Amino acid sequence: MSAHYFYFADYEILVGGRFIVWGQTTLDYAPAEPGAFDPAELLNRIRSQAANEHGVERDEVRVRNLSRL
């Protein structure tokens, strides 16, 4: 049985020393293997998703708040 976790994240994007975007996103996270939950992978996926939505680099996204739903 595969475990799914649902998250809500509040983030901001810093480009050129200025905050240009504040936003929120949700993520359905299912580890590749049962019991292999990886917090770093979760944050990476959230940051990548926000970066793709706004056309910026993943490293420019800062997660301000992360909540499991």
PDB file of N, CA and C in Angstrom:
ATOM      1  N   MET A   1       0.837  -1.187   0.000  1.00  0.00           N
ATOM      2  CA  MET A   1       0.000   0.000   0.000  1.00  0.00           C
ATOM      3  C   MET A   1       0.879   1.247   0.000  1.00  0.00           C
ATOM      4  N   SER A   2       0.634   2.126  -0.895  1.00  0.00           N
ATOM      5  CA  SER A   2       1.409   3.352  -1.043  1.00  0.00           C
ATOM      6  C   SER A   2       0.826   4.462  -0.171  1.00  0.00           C
ATOM      7  N   ALA A   3       1.689   5.205   0.506  1.00  0.00           N
ATOM      8  CA  ALA A   3       1.255   6.325   1.340  1.00  0.00           C
ATOM      9  C   ALA A   3       1.304   7.611   0.529  1.00  0.00           C
ATOM     10  N   HIS A   4       0.269   8.401   0.663  1.00  0.00           N
ATOM     11  CA  HIS A   4       0.227   9.716   0.032  1.00  0.00           C
ATOM     12  C   HIS A   4       0.129  10.759   1.122  1.00  0.00           C
ATOM     13  N   TYR A   5       0.851  11.835   0.943  1.00  0.00           N
ATOM     14  CA  TYR A   5       0.821  12.955   1.873  1.00  0.00           C
ATOM     15  C   TYR A   5       0.459  14.197   1.081  1.00  0.00           C
ATOM     16  N   PHE A   6      -0.342  15.034   1.660  1.00  0.00           N
ATOM     17  CA  PHE A   6      -0.782  16.255   1.001  1.00  0.00           C
ATOM     18  C   PHE A   6      -0.254  17.446   1.792  1.00  0.00           C
ATOM     19  N   TYR A   7       0.310  18.420   1.077  1.00  0.00           N
ATOM     20  CA  TYR A   7       0.939  19.567   1.715  1.00  0.00           C
ATOM     21  C   TYR A   7       0.459  20.873   1.110  1.00  0.00           C
ATOM     22  N   PHE A   8       0.488  21.911   1.936  1.00  0.00           N
ATOM     23  CA  PHE A   8       0.226  23.280   1.528  1.00  0.00           C
ATOM     24  C   PHE A   8       1.476  24.075   1.875  1.00  0.00           C
ATOM     25  N   ALA A   9       1.980  24.845   0.930  1.00  0.00           N
ATOM     26  CA  ALA A   9       3.188  25.638   1.164  1.00  0.00           C
ATOM     27  C   ALA A   9       2.946  27.099   0.819  1.00  0.00           C
ATOM     28  N   ASP A  10       3.478  27.968   1.652  1.00  0.00           N
ATOM     29  CA  ASP A  10       3.489  29.402   1.411  1.00  0.00           C
ATOM     30  C   ASP A  10       4.939  29.752   1.070  1.00  0.00           C
ATOM     31  N   TYR A  11       5.162  30.485  -0.003  1.00  0.00           N
ATOM     32  CA  TYR A  11       6.533  30.755  -0.436  1.00  0.00           C
ATOM     33  C   TYR A  11       6.689  32.188  -0.920  1.00  0.00           C
ATOM     34  N   GLU A  12       7.954  32.574  -1.077  1.00  0.00           N
ATOM     35  CA  GLU A  12       8.288  33.852  -1.685  1.00  0.00           C
ATOM     36  C   GLU A  12       9.449  33.628  -2.643  1.00  0.00           C
ATOM     37  N   ILE A  13       9.541  34.502  -3.636  1.00  0.00           N
ATOM     38  CA  ILE A  13      10.591  34.378  -4.644  1.00  0.00           C
ATOM     39  C   ILE A  13      11.434  35.645  -4.621  1.00  0.00           C
ATOM     40  N   LEU A  14      12.737  35.449  -4.486  1.00  0.00           N
ATOM     41  CA  LEU A  14      13.701  36.544  -4.430  1.00  0.00           C
ATOM     42  C   LEU A  14      14.512  36.538  -5.718  1.00  0.00           C
ATOM     43  N   VAL A  15      14.424  37.627  -6.480  1.00  0.00           N
ATOM     44  CA  VAL A  15      15.187  37.758  -7.725  1.00  0.00           C
ATOM     45  C   VAL A  15      15.908  39.106  -7.694  1.00  0.00           C
ATOM     46  N   GLY A  16      17.210  39.072  -7.883  1.00  0.00           N
ATOM     47  CA  GLY A  16      17.996  40.297  -7.911  1.00  0.00           C
ATOM     48  C   GLY A  16      17.932  41.070  -6.603  1.00  0.00           C
ATOM     49  N   GLY A  17      17.826  40.366  -5.494  1.00  0.00           N
ATOM     50  CA  GLY A  17      17.807  41.025  -4.199  1.00  0.00           C
ATOM     51  C   GLY A  17      16.459  41.583  -3.786  1.00  0.00           C
ATOM     52  N   ARG A  18      15.419  41.326  -4.582  1.00  0.00           N
ATOM     53  CA  ARG A  18      14.083  41.842  -4.272  1.00  0.00           C
ATOM     54  C   ARG A  18      13.078  40.709  -4.291  1.00  0.00           C
ATOM     55  N   PHE A  19      12.150  40.755  -3.357  1.00  0.00           N
ATOM     56  CA  PHE A  19      11.056  39.791  -3.366  1.00  0.00           C
ATOM     57  C   PHE A  19      10.063  40.230  -4.438  1.00  0.00           C
ATOM     58  N   ILE A  20       9.820  39.338  -5.400  1.00  0.00           N
ATOM     59  CA  ILE A  20       8.939  39.709  -6.506  1.00  0.00           C
ATOM     60  C   ILE A  20       7.605  38.962  -6.480  1.00  0.00           C
ATOM     61  N   VAL A  21       7.558  37.827  -5.786  1.00  0.00           N
ATOM     62  CA  VAL A  21       6.334  37.031  -5.776  1.00  0.00           C
ATOM     63  C   VAL A  21       6.147  36.411  -4.394  1.00  0.00           C
ATOM     64  N   TRP A  22       4.926  36.441  -3.930  1.00  0.00           N
ATOM     65  CA  TRP A  22       4.519  35.675  -2.759  1.00  0.00           C
ATOM     66  C   TRP A  22       3.387  34.794  -3.235  1.00  0.00           C
ATOM     67  N   GLY A  23       3.407  33.533  -2.873  1.00  0.00           N
ATOM     68  CA  GLY A  23       2.366  32.650  -3.372  1.00  0.00           C
ATOM     69  C   GLY A  23       2.175  31.424  -2.502  1.00  0.00           C
ATOM     70  N   GLN A  24       1.236  30.616  -2.918  1.00  0.00           N
ATOM     71  CA  GLN A  24       0.937  29.364  -2.240  1.00  0.00           C
ATOM     72  C   GLN A  24       0.788  28.264  -3.287  1.00  0.00           C
ATOM     73  N   THR A  25       1.057  27.046  -2.846  1.00  0.00           N
ATOM     74  CA  THR A  25       0.886  25.892  -3.724  1.00  0.00           C
ATOM     75  C   THR A  25       0.551  24.677  -2.876  1.00  0.00           C
ATOM     76  N   THR A  26       0.035  23.659  -3.517  1.00  0.00           N
ATOM     77  CA  THR A  26      -0.240  22.392  -2.845  1.00  0.00           C
ATOM     78  C   THR A  26       0.520  21.292  -3.565  1.00  0.00           C
ATOM     79  N   LEU A  27       0.755  20.195  -2.856  1.00  0.00           N
ATOM     80  CA  LEU A  27       1.489  19.086  -3.439  1.00  0.00           C
ATOM     81  C   LEU A  27       0.961  17.768  -2.888  1.00  0.00           C
ATOM     82  N   ASP A  28       0.757  16.824  -3.780  1.00  0.00           N
ATOM     83  CA  ASP A  28       0.429  15.435  -3.417  1.00  0.00           C
ATOM     84  C   ASP A  28       1.743  14.675  -3.508  1.00  0.00           C
ATOM     85  N   TYR A  29       2.266  14.247  -2.364  1.00  0.00           N
ATOM     86  CA  TYR A  29       3.586  13.613  -2.316  1.00  0.00           C
ATOM     87  C   TYR A  29       3.438  12.141  -1.944  1.00  0.00           C
ATOM     88  N   ALA A  30       3.961  11.277  -2.794  1.00  0.00           N
ATOM     89  CA  ALA A  30       3.966   9.838  -2.537  1.00  0.00           C
ATOM     90  C   ALA A  30       5.404   9.343  -2.691  1.00  0.00           C
ATOM     91  N   PRO A  31       6.035   8.906  -1.606  1.00  0.00           N
ATOM     92  CA  PRO A  31       7.411   8.402  -1.703  1.00  0.00           C
ATOM     93  C   PRO A  31       7.506   7.234  -2.690  1.00  0.00           C
ATOM     94  N   ALA A  32       8.652   7.127  -3.351  1.00  0.00           N
ATOM     95  CA  ALA A  32       8.863   6.065  -4.345  1.00  0.00           C
ATOM     96  C   ALA A  32       8.721   4.683  -3.721  1.00  0.00           C
ATOM     97  N   GLU A  33       9.201   4.530  -2.495  1.00  0.00           N
ATOM     98  CA  GLU A  33       9.098   3.255  -1.785  1.00  0.00           C
ATOM     99  C   GLU A  33       8.386   3.492  -0.460  1.00  0.00           C
ATOM    100  N   PRO A  34       7.537   2.570  -0.031  1.00  0.00           N
ATOM    101  CA  PRO A  34       6.861   2.729   1.257  1.00  0.00           C
ATOM    102  C   PRO A  34       7.881   2.907   2.384  1.00  0.00           C
ATOM    103  N   GLY A  35       7.629   3.873   3.237  1.00  0.00           N
ATOM    104  CA  GLY A  35       8.521   4.123   4.356  1.00  0.00           C
ATOM    105  C   GLY A  35       9.767   4.905   3.999  1.00  0.00           C
ATOM    106  N   ALA A  36       9.870   5.392   2.762  1.00  0.00           N
ATOM    107  CA  ALA A  36      11.066   6.122   2.322  1.00  0.00           C
ATOM    108  C   ALA A  36      10.790   7.618   2.222  1.00  0.00           C
ATOM    109  N   PHE A  37      10.084   8.161   3.185  1.00  0.00           N
ATOM    110  CA  PHE A  37       9.781   9.590   3.203  1.00  0.00           C
ATOM    111  C   PHE A  37      11.076  10.392   3.314  1.00  0.00           C
ATOM    112  N   ASP A  38      11.246  11.372   2.432  1.00  0.00           N
ATOM    113  CA  ASP A  38      12.454  12.195   2.413  1.00  0.00           C
ATOM    114  C   ASP A  38      12.059  13.674   2.451  1.00  0.00           C
ATOM    115  N   PRO A  39      12.238  14.346   3.597  1.00  0.00           N
ATOM    116  CA  PRO A  39      11.868  15.760   3.691  1.00  0.00           C
ATOM    117  C   PRO A  39      12.585  16.643   2.671  1.00  0.00           C
ATOM    118  N   ALA A  40      13.844  16.342   2.365  1.00  0.00           N
ATOM    119  CA  ALA A  40      14.591  17.140   1.383  1.00  0.00           C
ATOM    120  C   ALA A  40      13.960  17.021  -0.003  1.00  0.00           C
ATOM    121  N   GLU A  41      13.520  15.826  -0.368  1.00  0.00           N
ATOM    122  CA  GLU A  41      12.850  15.634  -1.663  1.00  0.00           C
ATOM    123  C   GLU A  41      11.539  16.393  -1.700  1.00  0.00           C
ATOM    124  N   LEU A  42      10.812  16.375  -0.605  1.00  0.00           N
ATOM    125  CA  LEU A  42       9.546  17.100  -0.518  1.00  0.00           C
ATOM    126  C   LEU A  42       9.770  18.593  -0.753  1.00  0.00           C
ATOM    127  N   LEU A  43      10.728  19.200  -0.053  1.00  0.00           N
ATOM    128  CA  LEU A  43      11.007  20.621  -0.237  1.00  0.00           C
ATOM    129  C   LEU A  43      11.499  20.923  -1.644  1.00  0.00           C
ATOM    130  N   ASN A  44      12.314  20.056  -2.191  1.00  0.00           N
ATOM    131  CA  ASN A  44      12.803  20.236  -3.556  1.00  0.00           C
ATOM    132  C   ASN A  44      11.648  20.237  -4.556  1.00  0.00           C
ATOM    133  N   ARG A  45      10.707  19.318  -4.391  1.00  0.00           N
ATOM    134  CA  ARG A  45       9.558  19.257  -5.306  1.00  0.00           C
ATOM    135  C   ARG A  45       8.677  20.490  -5.195  1.00  0.00           C
ATOM    136  N   ILE A  46       8.456  20.969  -3.967  1.00  0.00           N
ATOM    137  CA  ILE A  46       7.640  22.173  -3.779  1.00  0.00           C
ATOM    138  C   ILE A  46       8.332  23.379  -4.396  1.00  0.00           C
ATOM    139  N   ARG A  47       9.626  23.544  -4.141  1.00  0.00           N
ATOM    140  CA  ARG A  47      10.368  24.673  -4.697  1.00  0.00           C
ATOM    141  C   ARG A  47      10.410  24.607  -6.220  1.00  0.00           C
ATOM    142  N   SER A  48      10.598  23.414  -6.780  1.00  0.00           N
ATOM    143  CA  SER A  48      10.619  23.247  -8.240  1.00  0.00           C
ATOM    144  C   SER A  48       9.268  23.580  -8.854  1.00  0.00           C
ATOM    145  N   GLN A  49       8.201  23.146  -8.206  1.00  0.00           N
ATOM    146  CA  GLN A  49       6.856  23.415  -8.709  1.00  0.00           C
ATOM    147  C   GLN A  49       6.584  24.921  -8.733  1.00  0.00           C
ATOM    148  N   ALA A  50       6.933  25.621  -7.659  1.00  0.00           N
ATOM    149  CA  ALA A  50       6.732  27.071  -7.610  1.00  0.00           C
ATOM    150  C   ALA A  50       7.606  27.776  -8.648  1.00  0.00           C
ATOM    151  N   ALA A  51       8.840  27.335  -8.797  1.00  0.00           N
ATOM    152  CA  ALA A  51       9.744  27.940  -9.784  1.00  0.00           C
ATOM    153  C   ALA A  51       9.210  27.766 -11.196  1.00  0.00           C
ATOM    154  N   ASN A  52       8.712  26.589 -11.514  1.00  0.00           N
ATOM    155  CA  ASN A  52       8.153  26.344 -12.848  1.00  0.00           C
ATOM    156  C   ASN A  52       6.933  27.211 -13.117  1.00  0.00           C
ATOM    157  N   GLU A  53       6.111  27.425 -12.104  1.00  0.00           N
ATOM    158  CA  GLU A  53       4.915  28.253 -12.274  1.00  0.00           C
ATOM    159  C   GLU A  53       5.253  29.707 -12.572  1.00  0.00           C
ATOM    160  N   HIS A  54       6.411  30.179 -12.068  1.00  0.00           N
ATOM    161  CA  HIS A  54       6.760  31.591 -12.208  1.00  0.00           C
ATOM    162  C   HIS A  54       7.946  31.840 -13.133  1.00  0.00           C
ATOM    163  N   GLY A  55       8.522  30.789 -13.700  1.00  0.00           N
ATOM    164  CA  GLY A  55       9.616  30.960 -14.649  1.00  0.00           C
ATOM    165  C   GLY A  55      10.909  31.454 -14.019  1.00  0.00           C
ATOM    166  N   VAL A  56      11.204  30.978 -12.808  1.00  0.00           N
ATOM    167  CA  VAL A  56      12.446  31.358 -12.124  1.00  0.00           C
ATOM    168  C   VAL A  56      13.215  30.089 -11.766  1.00  0.00           C
ATOM    169  N   GLU A  57      14.405  30.268 -11.204  1.00  0.00           N
ATOM    170  CA  GLU A  57      15.215  29.137 -10.767  1.00  0.00           C
ATOM    171  C   GLU A  57      14.708  28.604  -9.430  1.00  0.00           C
ATOM    172  N   ARG A  58      14.871  27.309  -9.205  1.00  0.00           N
ATOM    173  CA  ARG A  58      14.420  26.680  -7.962  1.00  0.00           C
ATOM    174  C   ARG A  58      15.068  27.327  -6.740  1.00  0.00           C
ATOM    175  N   ASP A  59      16.339  27.721  -6.856  1.00  0.00           N
ATOM    176  CA  ASP A  59      17.063  28.304  -5.732  1.00  0.00           C
ATOM    177  C   ASP A  59      16.560  29.699  -5.352  1.00  0.00           C
ATOM    178  N   GLU A  60      15.731  30.302  -6.189  1.00  0.00           N
ATOM    179  CA  GLU A  60      15.173  31.620  -5.894  1.00  0.00           C
ATOM    180  C   GLU A  60      13.878  31.527  -5.084  1.00  0.00           C
ATOM    181  N   VAL A  61      13.379  30.317  -4.876  1.00  0.00           N
ATOM    182  CA  VAL A  61      12.146  30.101  -4.118  1.00  0.00           C
ATOM    183  C   VAL A  61      12.479  29.771  -2.675  1.00  0.00           C
ATOM    184  N   ARG A  62      11.880  30.506  -1.764  1.00  0.00           N
ATOM    185  CA  ARG A  62      12.059  30.248  -0.326  1.00  0.00           C
ATOM    186  C   ARG A  62      10.709  29.867   0.273  1.00  0.00           C
ATOM    187  N   VAL A  63      10.634  28.683   0.834  1.00  0.00           N
ATOM    188  CA  VAL A  63       9.409  28.212   1.479  1.00  0.00           C
ATOM    189  C   VAL A  63       9.323  28.874   2.840  1.00  0.00           C
ATOM    190  N   ARG A  64       8.231  29.596   3.079  1.00  0.00           N
ATOM    191  CA  ARG A  64       8.054  30.293   4.349  1.00  0.00           C
ATOM    192  C   ARG A  64       7.295  29.442   5.351  1.00  0.00           C
ATOM    193  N   ASN A  65       6.366  28.645   4.872  1.00  0.00           N
ATOM    194  CA  ASN A  65       5.562  27.825   5.757  1.00  0.00           C
ATOM    195  C   ASN A  65       5.159  26.568   5.006  1.00  0.00           C
ATOM    196  N   LEU A  66       5.192  25.436   5.700  1.00  0.00           N
ATOM    197  CA  LEU A  66       4.818  24.155   5.095  1.00  0.00           C
ATOM    198  C   LEU A  66       3.903  23.438   6.070  1.00  0.00           C
ATOM    199  N   SER A  67       2.721  23.064   5.584  1.00  0.00           N
ATOM    200  CA  SER A  67       1.744  22.378   6.442  1.00  0.00           C
ATOM    201  C   SER A  67       1.279  21.103   5.767  1.00  0.00           C
ATOM    202  N   ARG A  68       1.187  20.051   6.551  1.00  0.00           N
ATOM    203  CA  ARG A  68       0.626  18.795   6.043  1.00  0.00           C
ATOM    204  C   ARG A  68      -0.877  18.855   6.218  1.00  0.00           C
ATOM    205  N   LEU A  69      -1.596  18.544   5.161  1.00  0.00           N
ATOM    206  CA  LEU A  69      -3.052  18.594   5.196  1.00  0.00           C
ATOM    207  C   LEU A  69      -3.636  17.262   5.605  1.00  0.00           C
TER     208      LEU A  69
END
